[in-house]
Amino acid sequence: GVLVFDLLPGLVIAVVLSLVLFIAYSSRPRLAELGRVGTGRVWGDITL
């Protein structure tokens, strides 16, 4: 974006990309399934 459109348009592209990344990451949260760890009252992510 910087090389083709010059610095200021490249900066706009960079900022927009940052916001898109933030929105994309925030809009796709992981849903973890929890299980009881050991015999206690601690529950944790079954994949971890």
ModelCIF file with pLDDT and N, C-alpha, C, O atoms, coordinates in Angstrom:
data_MODEL
#
_entry.id   MODEL 
#
_entity.id                         1 
_entity.type                       polymer 
_entity.pdbx_number_of_molecules   1 
#
_entity_poly.entity_id                      1 
_entity_poly.type                           'polypeptide(L)' 
_entity_poly.nstd_linkage                   no 
_entity_poly.nstd_monomer                   no 
_entity_poly.pdbx_seq_one_letter_code       GVLVFDLLPGLVIAVVLSLVLFIAYSSRPRLAELGRVGTGRVWGDITL 
_entity_poly.pdbx_seq_one_letter_code_can   GVLVFDLLPGLVIAVVLSLVLFIAYSSRPRLAELGRVGTGRVWGDITL 
_entity_poly.pdbx_strand_id                 A 
#
loop_
_entity_poly_seq.entity_id 
_entity_poly_seq.num 
_entity_poly_seq.mon_id 
_entity_poly_seq.hetero 
1 1  GLY n 
1 2  VAL n 
1 3  LEU n 
1 4  VAL n 
1 5  PHE n 
1 6  ASP n 
1 7  LEU n 
1 8  LEU n 
1 9  PRO n 
1 10 GLY n 
1 11 LEU n 
1 12 VAL n 
1 13 ILE n 
1 14 ALA n 
1 15 VAL n 
1 16 VAL n 
1 17 LEU n 
1 18 SER n 
1 19 LEU n 
1 20 VAL n 
1 21 LEU n 
1 22 PHE n 
1 23 ILE n 
1 24 ALA n 
1 25 TYR n 
1 26 SER n 
1 27 SER n 
1 28 ARG n 
1 29 PRO n 
1 30 ARG n 
1 31 LEU n 
1 32 ALA n 
1 33 GLU n 
1 34 LEU n 
1 35 GLY n 
1 36 ARG n 
1 37 VAL n 
1 38 GLY n 
1 39 THR n 
1 40 GLY n 
1 41 ARG n 
1 42 VAL n 
1 43 TRP n 
1 44 GLY n 
1 45 ASP n 
1 46 ILE n 
1 47 THR n 
1 48 LEU n 
#
_struct_asym.id          A 
_struct_asym.entity_id   1 
#
loop_
_ma_qa_metric.id 
_ma_qa_metric.mode 
_ma_qa_metric.name 
_ma_qa_metric.software_group_id 
_ma_qa_metric.type 
1 global pLDDT . pLDDT 
2 local  pLDDT . pLDDT 
#
_ma_qa_metric_global.metric_id      1 
_ma_qa_metric_global.metric_value   78.60 
_ma_qa_metric_global.model_id       1 
_ma_qa_metric_global.ordinal_id     1 
#
loop_
_ma_qa_metric_local.label_asym_id 
_ma_qa_metric_local.label_comp_id 
_ma_qa_metric_local.label_seq_id 
_ma_qa_metric_local.metric_id 
_ma_qa_metric_local.metric_value 
_ma_qa_metric_local.model_id 
_ma_qa_metric_local.ordinal_id 
A GLY 1  2 88.00 1 1  
A VAL 2  2 86.00 1 2  
A LEU 3  2 90.00 1 3  
A VAL 4  2 89.00 1 4  
A PHE 5  2 85.00 1 5  
A ASP 6  2 76.00 1 6  
A LEU 7  2 73.00 1 7  
A LEU 8  2 73.00 1 8  
A PRO 9  2 80.00 1 9  
A GLY 10 2 78.00 1 10 
A LEU 11 2 72.00 1 11 
A VAL 12 2 78.00 1 12 
A ILE 13 2 81.00 1 13 
A ALA 14 2 75.00 1 14 
A VAL 15 2 75.00 1 15 
A VAL 16 2 81.00 1 16 
A LEU 17 2 79.00 1 17 
A SER 18 2 74.00 1 18 
A LEU 19 2 78.00 1 19 
A VAL 20 2 80.00 1 20 
A LEU 21 2 77.00 1 21 
A PHE 22 2 75.00 1 22 
A ILE 23 2 79.00 1 23 
A ALA 24 2 78.00 1 24 
A TYR 25 2 76.00 1 25 
A SER 26 2 77.00 1 26 
A SER 27 2 79.00 1 27 
A ARG 28 2 81.00 1 28 
A PRO 29 2 82.00 1 29 
A ARG 30 2 83.00 1 30 
A LEU 31 2 85.00 1 31 
A ALA 32 2 86.00 1 32 
A GLU 33 2 86.00 1 33 
A LEU 34 2 84.00 1 34 
A GLY 35 2 82.00 1 35 
A ARG 36 2 78.00 1 36 
A VAL 37 2 79.00 1 37 
A GLY 38 2 71.00 1 38 
A THR 39 2 66.00 1 39 
A GLY 40 2 60.00 1 40 
A ARG 41 2 66.00 1 41 
A VAL 42 2 74.00 1 42 
A TRP 43 2 75.00 1 43 
A GLY 44 2 80.00 1 44 
A ASP 45 2 80.00 1 45 
A ILE 46 2 82.00 1 46 
A THR 47 2 81.00 1 47 
A LEU 48 2 80.00 1 48 
#
loop_
_atom_site.group_PDB 
_atom_site.id 
_atom_site.type_symbol 
_atom_site.label_atom_id 
_atom_site.label_alt_id 
_atom_site.label_comp_id 
_atom_site.label_asym_id 
_atom_site.label_entity_id 
_atom_site.label_seq_id 
_atom_site.pdbx_PDB_ins_code 
_atom_site.Cartn_x 
_atom_site.Cartn_y 
_atom_site.Cartn_z 
_atom_site.occupancy 
_atom_site.B_iso_or_equiv 
_atom_site.pdbx_formal_charge 
_atom_site.auth_seq_id 
_atom_site.auth_comp_id 
_atom_site.auth_asym_id 
_atom_site.auth_atom_id 
_atom_site.pdbx_PDB_model_num 
ATOM 1   N N  . GLY A 1 1  ? 0.824   -1.209  0.000  1.00 88.00 ? 1  GLY A N  1 
ATOM 2   C CA . GLY A 1 1  ? 0.000   0.000   0.000  1.00 88.00 ? 1  GLY A CA 1 
ATOM 3   C C  . GLY A 1 1  ? 0.852   1.250   0.000  1.00 88.00 ? 1  GLY A C  1 
ATOM 4   O O  . GLY A 1 1  ? 0.539   2.219   -0.692 1.00 88.00 ? 1  GLY A O  1 
ATOM 5   N N  . VAL A 1 2  ? 1.937   1.236   0.778  1.00 86.00 ? 2  VAL A N  1 
ATOM 6   C CA . VAL A 1 2  ? 2.851   2.377   0.817  1.00 86.00 ? 2  VAL A CA 1 
ATOM 7   C C  . VAL A 1 2  ? 3.594   2.517   -0.504 1.00 86.00 ? 2  VAL A C  1 
ATOM 8   O O  . VAL A 1 2  ? 3.728   3.624   -1.025 1.00 86.00 ? 2  VAL A O  1 
ATOM 9   N N  . LEU A 1 3  ? 4.075   1.409   -1.050 1.00 90.00 ? 3  LEU A N  1 
ATOM 10  C CA . LEU A 1 3  ? 4.869   1.465   -2.277 1.00 90.00 ? 3  LEU A CA 1 
ATOM 11  C C  . LEU A 1 3  ? 4.040   1.894   -3.485 1.00 90.00 ? 3  LEU A C  1 
ATOM 12  O O  . LEU A 1 3  ? 4.525   2.617   -4.356 1.00 90.00 ? 3  LEU A O  1 
ATOM 13  N N  . VAL A 1 4  ? 2.798   1.446   -3.530 1.00 89.00 ? 4  VAL A N  1 
ATOM 14  C CA . VAL A 1 4  ? 1.969   1.715   -4.710 1.00 89.00 ? 4  VAL A CA 1 
ATOM 15  C C  . VAL A 1 4  ? 1.211   3.036   -4.600 1.00 89.00 ? 4  VAL A C  1 
ATOM 16  O O  . VAL A 1 4  ? 1.096   3.774   -5.578 1.00 89.00 ? 4  VAL A O  1 
ATOM 17  N N  . PHE A 1 5  ? 0.690   3.333   -3.394 1.00 85.00 ? 5  PHE A N  1 
ATOM 18  C CA . PHE A 1 5  ? -0.177  4.499   -3.237 1.00 85.00 ? 5  PHE A CA 1 
ATOM 19  C C  . PHE A 1 5  ? 0.487   5.658   -2.506 1.00 85.00 ? 5  PHE A C  1 
ATOM 20  O O  . PHE A 1 5  ? -0.141  6.700   -2.318 1.00 85.00 ? 5  PHE A O  1 
ATOM 21  N N  . ASP A 1 6  ? 1.723   5.504   -2.096 1.00 76.00 ? 6  ASP A N  1 
ATOM 22  C CA . ASP A 1 6  ? 2.475   6.513   -1.351 1.00 76.00 ? 6  ASP A CA 1 
ATOM 23  C C  . ASP A 1 6  ? 2.120   6.437   0.137  1.00 76.00 ? 6  ASP A C  1 
ATOM 24  O O  . ASP A 1 6  ? 1.286   5.632   0.552  1.00 76.00 ? 6  ASP A O  1 
ATOM 25  N N  . LEU A 1 7  ? 2.775   7.297   0.930  1.00 73.00 ? 7  LEU A N  1 
ATOM 26  C CA . LEU A 1 7  ? 2.755   7.125   2.379  1.00 73.00 ? 7  LEU A CA 1 
ATOM 27  C C  . LEU A 1 7  ? 1.399   7.372   3.025  1.00 73.00 ? 7  LEU A C  1 
ATOM 28  O O  . LEU A 1 7  ? 0.926   6.535   3.794  1.00 73.00 ? 7  LEU A O  1 
ATOM 29  N N  . LEU A 1 8  ? 0.766   8.500   2.731  1.00 73.00 ? 8  LEU A N  1 
ATOM 30  C CA . LEU A 1 8  ? -0.491  8.789   3.420  1.00 73.00 ? 8  LEU A CA 1 
ATOM 31  C C  . LEU A 1 8  ? -1.601  7.799   3.069  1.00 73.00 ? 8  LEU A C  1 
ATOM 32  O O  . LEU A 1 8  ? -2.276  7.311   3.975  1.00 73.00 ? 8  LEU A O  1 
ATOM 33  N N  . PRO A 1 9  ? -1.815  7.486   1.795  1.00 80.00 ? 9  PRO A N  1 
ATOM 34  C CA . PRO A 1 9  ? -2.785  6.423   1.508  1.00 80.00 ? 9  PRO A CA 1 
ATOM 35  C C  . PRO A 1 9  ? -2.371  5.092   2.128  1.00 80.00 ? 9  PRO A C  1 
ATOM 36  O O  . PRO A 1 9  ? -3.211  4.324   2.596  1.00 80.00 ? 9  PRO A O  1 
ATOM 37  N N  . GLY A 1 10 ? -1.044  4.828   2.124  1.00 78.00 ? 10 GLY A N  1 
ATOM 38  C CA . GLY A 1 10 ? -0.558  3.601   2.756  1.00 78.00 ? 10 GLY A CA 1 
ATOM 39  C C  . GLY A 1 10 ? -0.850  3.592   4.240  1.00 78.00 ? 10 GLY A C  1 
ATOM 40  O O  . GLY A 1 10 ? -1.175  2.548   4.807  1.00 78.00 ? 10 GLY A O  1 
ATOM 41  N N  . LEU A 1 11 ? -0.735  4.761   4.881  1.00 72.00 ? 11 LEU A N  1 
ATOM 42  C CA . LEU A 1 11 ? -1.040  4.851   6.304  1.00 72.00 ? 11 LEU A CA 1 
ATOM 43  C C  . LEU A 1 11 ? -2.525  4.588   6.547  1.00 72.00 ? 11 LEU A C  1 
ATOM 44  O O  . LEU A 1 11 ? -2.887  3.902   7.503  1.00 72.00 ? 11 LEU A O  1 
ATOM 45  N N  . VAL A 1 12 ? -3.378  5.127   5.691  1.00 78.00 ? 12 VAL A N  1 
ATOM 46  C CA . VAL A 1 12 ? -4.816  4.874   5.827  1.00 78.00 ? 12 VAL A CA 1 
ATOM 47  C C  . VAL A 1 12 ? -5.104  3.384   5.699  1.00 78.00 ? 12 VAL A C  1 
ATOM 48  O O  . VAL A 1 12 ? -5.886  2.822   6.466  1.00 78.00 ? 12 VAL A O  1 
ATOM 49  N N  . ILE A 1 13 ? -4.464  2.755   4.721  1.00 81.00 ? 13 ILE A N  1 
ATOM 50  C CA . ILE A 1 13 ? -4.637  1.310   4.549  1.00 81.00 ? 13 ILE A CA 1 
ATOM 51  C C  . ILE A 1 13 ? -4.195  0.577   5.811  1.00 81.00 ? 13 ILE A C  1 
ATOM 52  O O  . ILE A 1 13 ? -4.859  -0.360  6.254  1.00 81.00 ? 13 ILE A O  1 
ATOM 53  N N  . ALA A 1 14 ? -3.063  1.008   6.395  1.00 75.00 ? 14 ALA A N  1 
ATOM 54  C CA . ALA A 1 14 ? -2.545  0.363   7.607  1.00 75.00 ? 14 ALA A CA 1 
ATOM 55  C C  . ALA A 1 14 ? -3.525  0.504   8.766  1.00 75.00 ? 14 ALA A C  1 
ATOM 56  O O  . ALA A 1 14 ? -3.776  -0.462  9.487  1.00 75.00 ? 14 ALA A O  1 
ATOM 57  N N  . VAL A 1 15 ? -4.080  1.705   8.949  1.00 75.00 ? 15 VAL A N  1 
ATOM 58  C CA . VAL A 1 15 ? -5.027  1.929   10.048 1.00 75.00 ? 15 VAL A CA 1 
ATOM 59  C C  . VAL A 1 15 ? -6.296  1.115   9.833  1.00 75.00 ? 15 VAL A C  1 
ATOM 60  O O  . VAL A 1 15 ? -6.794  0.485   10.766 1.00 75.00 ? 15 VAL A O  1 
ATOM 61  N N  . VAL A 1 16 ? -6.826  1.122   8.599  1.00 81.00 ? 16 VAL A N  1 
ATOM 62  C CA . VAL A 1 16 ? -8.034  0.359   8.308  1.00 81.00 ? 16 VAL A CA 1 
ATOM 63  C C  . VAL A 1 16 ? -7.793  -1.129  8.551  1.00 81.00 ? 16 VAL A C  1 
ATOM 64  O O  . VAL A 1 16 ? -8.648  -1.817  9.108  1.00 81.00 ? 16 VAL A O  1 
ATOM 65  N N  . LEU A 1 17 ? -6.630  -1.622  8.133  1.00 79.00 ? 17 LEU A N  1 
ATOM 66  C CA . LEU A 1 17 ? -6.298  -3.030  8.371  1.00 79.00 ? 17 LEU A CA 1 
ATOM 67  C C  . LEU A 1 17 ? -6.261  -3.343  9.859  1.00 79.00 ? 17 LEU A C  1 
ATOM 68  O O  . LEU A 1 17 ? -6.738  -4.396  10.284 1.00 79.00 ? 17 LEU A O  1 
ATOM 69  N N  . SER A 1 18 ? -5.699  -2.437  10.653 1.00 74.00 ? 18 SER A N  1 
ATOM 70  C CA . SER A 1 18 ? -5.648  -2.653  12.097 1.00 74.00 ? 18 SER A CA 1 
ATOM 71  C C  . SER A 1 18 ? -7.048  -2.773  12.671 1.00 74.00 ? 18 SER A C  1 
ATOM 72  O O  . SER A 1 18 ? -7.321  -3.655  13.485 1.00 74.00 ? 18 SER A O  1 
ATOM 73  N N  . LEU A 1 19 ? -7.939  -1.877  12.241 1.00 78.00 ? 19 LEU A N  1 
ATOM 74  C CA . LEU A 1 19 ? -9.317  -1.925  12.737 1.00 78.00 ? 19 LEU A CA 1 
ATOM 75  C C  . LEU A 1 19 ? -10.034 -3.185  12.270 1.00 78.00 ? 19 LEU A C  1 
ATOM 76  O O  . LEU A 1 19 ? -10.789 -3.790  13.031 1.00 78.00 ? 19 LEU A O  1 
ATOM 77  N N  . VAL A 1 20 ? -9.801  -3.580  11.023 1.00 80.00 ? 20 VAL A N  1 
ATOM 78  C CA . VAL A 1 20 ? -10.421 -4.804  10.509 1.00 80.00 ? 20 VAL A CA 1 
ATOM 79  C C  . VAL A 1 20 ? -9.947  -6.011  11.307 1.00 80.00 ? 20 VAL A C  1 
ATOM 80  O O  . VAL A 1 20 ? -10.741 -6.887  11.648 1.00 80.00 ? 20 VAL A O  1 
ATOM 81  N N  . LEU A 1 21 ? -8.649  -6.055  11.605 1.00 77.00 ? 21 LEU A N  1 
ATOM 82  C CA . LEU A 1 21 ? -8.119  -7.159  12.405 1.00 77.00 ? 21 LEU A CA 1 
ATOM 83  C C  . LEU A 1 21 ? -8.770  -7.197  13.779 1.00 77.00 ? 21 LEU A C  1 
ATOM 84  O O  . LEU A 1 21 ? -9.166  -8.259  14.260 1.00 77.00 ? 21 LEU A O  1 
ATOM 85  N N  . PHE A 1 22 ? -8.878  -6.020  14.412 1.00 75.00 ? 22 PHE A N  1 
ATOM 86  C CA . PHE A 1 22 ? -9.486  -5.954  15.738 1.00 75.00 ? 22 PHE A CA 1 
ATOM 87  C C  . PHE A 1 22 ? -10.939 -6.426  15.699 1.00 75.00 ? 22 PHE A C  1 
ATOM 88  O O  . PHE A 1 22 ? -11.360 -7.216  16.543 1.00 75.00 ? 22 PHE A O  1 
ATOM 89  N N  . ILE A 1 23 ? -11.709 -5.939  14.712 1.00 79.00 ? 23 ILE A N  1 
ATOM 90  C CA . ILE A 1 23 ? -13.111 -6.313  14.613 1.00 79.00 ? 23 ILE A CA 1 
ATOM 91  C C  . ILE A 1 23 ? -13.252 -7.810  14.316 1.00 79.00 ? 23 ILE A C  1 
ATOM 92  O O  . ILE A 1 23 ? -14.095 -8.496  14.894 1.00 79.00 ? 23 ILE A O  1 
ATOM 93  N N  . ALA A 1 24 ? -12.400 -8.301  13.395 1.00 78.00 ? 24 ALA A N  1 
ATOM 94  C CA . ALA A 1 24 ? -12.473 -9.723  13.046 1.00 78.00 ? 24 ALA A CA 1 
ATOM 95  C C  . ALA A 1 24 ? -12.142 -10.599 14.248 1.00 78.00 ? 24 ALA A C  1 
ATOM 96  O O  . ALA A 1 24 ? -12.804 -11.607 14.493 1.00 78.00 ? 24 ALA A O  1 
ATOM 97  N N  . TYR A 1 25 ? -11.110 -10.206 14.997 1.00 76.00 ? 25 TYR A N  1 
ATOM 98  C CA . TYR A 1 25 ? -10.725 -10.995 16.170 1.00 76.00 ? 25 TYR A CA 1 
ATOM 99  C C  . TYR A 1 25 ? -11.815 -10.949 17.236 1.00 76.00 ? 25 TYR A C  1 
ATOM 100 O O  . TYR A 1 25 ? -12.142 -11.970 17.841 1.00 76.00 ? 25 TYR A O  1 
ATOM 101 N N  . SER A 1 26 ? -12.380 -9.756  17.467 1.00 77.00 ? 26 SER A N  1 
ATOM 102 C CA . SER A 1 26 ? -13.397 -9.605  18.514 1.00 77.00 ? 26 SER A CA 1 
ATOM 103 C C  . SER A 1 26 ? -14.697 -10.300 18.138 1.00 77.00 ? 26 SER A C  1 
ATOM 104 O O  . SER A 1 26 ? -15.429 -10.760 19.014 1.00 77.00 ? 26 SER A O  1 
ATOM 105 N N  . SER A 1 27 ? -14.988 -10.379 16.855 1.00 79.00 ? 27 SER A N  1 
ATOM 106 C CA . SER A 1 27 ? -16.264 -10.950 16.434 1.00 79.00 ? 27 SER A CA 1 
ATOM 107 C C  . SER A 1 27 ? -16.228 -12.466 16.325 1.00 79.00 ? 27 SER A C  1 
ATOM 108 O O  . SER A 1 27 ? -17.263 -13.080 16.066 1.00 79.00 ? 27 SER A O  1 
ATOM 109 N N  . ARG A 1 28 ? -15.070 -13.090 16.515 1.00 81.00 ? 28 ARG A N  1 
ATOM 110 C CA . ARG A 1 28 ? -14.964 -14.549 16.422 1.00 81.00 ? 28 ARG A CA 1 
ATOM 111 C C  . ARG A 1 28 ? -14.343 -15.114 17.696 1.00 81.00 ? 28 ARG A C  1 
ATOM 112 O O  . ARG A 1 28 ? -13.268 -15.711 17.647 1.00 81.00 ? 28 ARG A O  1 
ATOM 113 N N  . PRO A 1 29 ? -15.011 -14.931 18.835 1.00 82.00 ? 29 PRO A N  1 
ATOM 114 C CA . PRO A 1 29 ? -14.438 -15.446 20.086 1.00 82.00 ? 29 PRO A CA 1 
ATOM 115 C C  . PRO A 1 29 ? -14.476 -16.975 20.130 1.00 82.00 ? 29 PRO A C  1 
ATOM 116 O O  . PRO A 1 29 ? -15.377 -17.609 19.580 1.00 82.00 ? 29 PRO A O  1 
ATOM 117 N N  . ARG A 1 30 ? -13.504 -17.530 20.780 1.00 83.00 ? 30 ARG A N  1 
ATOM 118 C CA . ARG A 1 30 ? -13.458 -18.983 20.942 1.00 83.00 ? 30 ARG A CA 1 
ATOM 119 C C  . ARG A 1 30 ? -14.406 -19.391 22.066 1.00 83.00 ? 30 ARG A C  1 
ATOM 120 O O  . ARG A 1 30 ? -14.467 -18.736 23.107 1.00 83.00 ? 30 ARG A O  1 
ATOM 121 N N  . LEU A 1 31 ? -15.128 -20.453 21.853 1.00 85.00 ? 31 LEU A N  1 
ATOM 122 C CA . LEU A 1 31 ? -16.022 -20.987 22.885 1.00 85.00 ? 31 LEU A CA 1 
ATOM 123 C C  . LEU A 1 31 ? -15.379 -22.245 23.455 1.00 85.00 ? 31 LEU A C  1 
ATOM 124 O O  . LEU A 1 31 ? -15.323 -23.277 22.787 1.00 85.00 ? 31 LEU A O  1 
ATOM 125 N N  . ALA A 1 32 ? -14.895 -22.156 24.683 1.00 86.00 ? 32 ALA A N  1 
ATOM 126 C CA . ALA A 1 32 ? -14.191 -23.274 25.308 1.00 86.00 ? 32 ALA A CA 1 
ATOM 127 C C  . ALA A 1 32 ? -15.163 -24.155 26.074 1.00 86.00 ? 32 ALA A C  1 
ATOM 128 O O  . ALA A 1 32 ? -16.049 -23.658 26.769 1.00 86.00 ? 32 ALA A O  1 
ATOM 129 N N  . GLU A 1 33 ? -14.994 -25.463 25.945 1.00 86.00 ? 33 GLU A N  1 
ATOM 130 C CA . GLU A 1 33 ? -15.761 -26.403 26.760 1.00 86.00 ? 33 GLU A CA 1 
ATOM 131 C C  . GLU A 1 33 ? -14.934 -26.759 27.985 1.00 86.00 ? 33 GLU A C  1 
ATOM 132 O O  . GLU A 1 33 ? -13.754 -27.089 27.871 1.00 86.00 ? 33 GLU A O  1 
ATOM 133 N N  . LEU A 1 34 ? -15.557 -26.692 29.161 1.00 84.00 ? 34 LEU A N  1 
ATOM 134 C CA . LEU A 1 34 ? -14.845 -26.904 30.412 1.00 84.00 ? 34 LEU A CA 1 
ATOM 135 C C  . LEU A 1 34 ? -15.175 -28.273 30.990 1.00 84.00 ? 34 LEU A C  1 
ATOM 136 O O  . LEU A 1 34 ? -16.271 -28.808 30.825 1.00 84.00 ? 34 LEU A O  1 
ATOM 137 N N  . GLY A 1 35 ? -14.165 -28.815 31.682 1.00 82.00 ? 35 GLY A N  1 
ATOM 138 C CA . GLY A 1 35 ? -14.344 -30.081 32.392 1.00 82.00 ? 35 GLY A CA 1 
ATOM 139 C C  . GLY A 1 35 ? -13.740 -29.981 33.773 1.00 82.00 ? 35 GLY A C  1 
ATOM 140 O O  . GLY A 1 35 ? -12.912 -29.109 34.037 1.00 82.00 ? 35 GLY A O  1 
ATOM 141 N N  . ARG A 1 36 ? -14.161 -30.887 34.667 1.00 78.00 ? 36 ARG A N  1 
ATOM 142 C CA . ARG A 1 36 ? -13.633 -30.866 36.025 1.00 78.00 ? 36 ARG A CA 1 
ATOM 143 C C  . ARG A 1 36 ? -12.234 -31.456 36.025 1.00 78.00 ? 36 ARG A C  1 
ATOM 144 O O  . ARG A 1 36 ? -12.005 -32.571 35.557 1.00 78.00 ? 36 ARG A O  1 
ATOM 145 N N  . VAL A 1 37 ? -11.294 -30.666 36.570 1.00 79.00 ? 37 VAL A N  1 
ATOM 146 C CA . VAL A 1 37 ? -9.896  -31.071 36.601 1.00 79.00 ? 37 VAL A CA 1 
ATOM 147 C C  . VAL A 1 37 ? -9.641  -31.819 37.913 1.00 79.00 ? 37 VAL A C  1 
ATOM 148 O O  . VAL A 1 37 ? -9.846  -31.279 39.000 1.00 79.00 ? 37 VAL A O  1 
ATOM 149 N N  . GLY A 1 38 ? -9.191  -33.068 37.791 1.00 71.00 ? 38 GLY A N  1 
ATOM 150 C CA . GLY A 1 38 ? -8.918  -33.864 38.984 1.00 71.00 ? 38 GLY A CA 1 
ATOM 151 C C  . GLY A 1 38 ? -10.196 -34.166 39.738 1.00 71.00 ? 38 GLY A C  1 
ATOM 152 O O  . GLY A 1 38 ? -11.248 -34.398 39.142 1.00 71.00 ? 38 GLY A O  1 
ATOM 153 N N  . THR A 1 39 ? -10.090 -34.160 41.060 1.00 66.00 ? 39 THR A N  1 
ATOM 154 C CA . THR A 1 39 ? -11.257 -34.437 41.904 1.00 66.00 ? 39 THR A CA 1 
ATOM 155 C C  . THR A 1 39 ? -11.744 -33.197 42.635 1.00 66.00 ? 39 THR A C  1 
ATOM 156 O O  . THR A 1 39 ? -12.678 -33.274 43.434 1.00 66.00 ? 39 THR A O  1 
ATOM 157 N N  . GLY A 1 40 ? -11.121 -32.056 42.370 1.00 60.00 ? 40 GLY A N  1 
ATOM 158 C CA . GLY A 1 40 ? -11.475 -30.830 43.072 1.00 60.00 ? 40 GLY A CA 1 
ATOM 159 C C  . GLY A 1 40 ? -12.577 -30.074 42.374 1.00 60.00 ? 40 GLY A C  1 
ATOM 160 O O  . GLY A 1 40 ? -13.284 -30.601 41.515 1.00 60.00 ? 40 GLY A O  1 
ATOM 161 N N  . ARG A 1 41 ? -12.705 -28.794 42.774 1.00 66.00 ? 41 ARG A N  1 
ATOM 162 C CA . ARG A 1 41 ? -13.762 -27.959 42.232 1.00 66.00 ? 41 ARG A CA 1 
ATOM 163 C C  . ARG A 1 41 ? -13.249 -27.067 41.096 1.00 66.00 ? 41 ARG A C  1 
ATOM 164 O O  . ARG A 1 41 ? -13.947 -26.143 40.679 1.00 66.00 ? 41 ARG A O  1 
ATOM 165 N N  . VAL A 1 42 ? -12.069 -27.327 40.603 1.00 74.00 ? 42 VAL A N  1 
ATOM 166 C CA . VAL A 1 42 ? -11.503 -26.530 39.517 1.00 74.00 ? 42 VAL A CA 1 
ATOM 167 C C  . VAL A 1 42 ? -11.981 -27.075 38.184 1.00 74.00 ? 42 VAL A C  1 
ATOM 168 O O  . VAL A 1 42 ? -11.922 -28.277 37.926 1.00 74.00 ? 42 VAL A O  1 
ATOM 169 N N  . TRP A 1 43 ? -12.454 -26.166 37.345 1.00 75.00 ? 43 TRP A N  1 
ATOM 170 C CA . TRP A 1 43 ? -12.893 -26.532 36.009 1.00 75.00 ? 43 TRP A CA 1 
ATOM 171 C C  . TRP A 1 43 ? -12.000 -25.821 34.999 1.00 75.00 ? 43 TRP A C  1 
ATOM 172 O O  . TRP A 1 43 ? -11.704 -24.636 35.156 1.00 75.00 ? 43 TRP A O  1 
ATOM 173 N N  . GLY A 1 44 ? -11.569 -26.538 33.962 1.00 80.00 ? 44 GLY A N  1 
ATOM 174 C CA . GLY A 1 44 ? -10.668 -25.961 32.977 1.00 80.00 ? 44 GLY A CA 1 
ATOM 175 C C  . GLY A 1 44 ? -11.002 -26.389 31.566 1.00 80.00 ? 44 GLY A C  1 
ATOM 176 O O  . GLY A 1 44 ? -11.787 -27.313 31.355 1.00 80.00 ? 44 GLY A O  1 
ATOM 177 N N  . ASP A 1 45 ? -10.411 -25.721 30.613 1.00 80.00 ? 45 ASP A N  1 
ATOM 178 C CA . ASP A 1 45 ? -10.600 -25.993 29.188 1.00 80.00 ? 45 ASP A CA 1 
ATOM 179 C C  . ASP A 1 45 ? -10.135 -27.425 28.890 1.00 80.00 ? 45 ASP A C  1 
ATOM 180 O O  . ASP A 1 45 ? -8.999  -27.786 29.196 1.00 80.00 ? 45 ASP A O  1 
ATOM 181 N N  . ILE A 1 46 ? -10.999 -28.220 28.305 1.00 82.00 ? 46 ILE A N  1 
ATOM 182 C CA . ILE A 1 46 ? -10.663 -29.630 28.069 1.00 82.00 ? 46 ILE A CA 1 
ATOM 183 C C  . ILE A 1 46 ? -9.558  -29.790 27.025 1.00 82.00 ? 46 ILE A C  1 
ATOM 184 O O  . ILE A 1 46 ? -8.904  -30.832 26.970 1.00 82.00 ? 46 ILE A O  1 
ATOM 185 N N  . THR A 1 47 ? -9.344  -28.756 26.191 1.00 81.00 ? 47 THR A N  1 
ATOM 186 C CA . THR A 1 47 ? -8.261  -28.850 25.201 1.00 81.00 ? 47 THR A CA 1 
ATOM 187 C C  . THR A 1 47 ? -6.904  -28.507 25.809 1.00 81.00 ? 47 THR A C  1 
ATOM 188 O O  . THR A 1 47 ? -5.865  -28.785 25.211 1.00 81.00 ? 47 THR A O  1 
ATOM 189 N N  . LEU A 1 48 ? -6.914  -27.900 27.005 1.00 80.00 ? 48 LEU A N  1 
ATOM 190 C CA . LEU A 1 48 ? -5.665  -27.514 27.659 1.00 80.00 ? 48 LEU A CA 1 
ATOM 191 C C  . LEU A 1 48 ? -5.301  -28.414 28.833 1.00 80.00 ? 48 LEU A C  1 
ATOM 192 O O  . LEU A 1 48 ? -4.273  -28.205 29.477 1.00 80.00 ? 48 LEU A O  1 
#
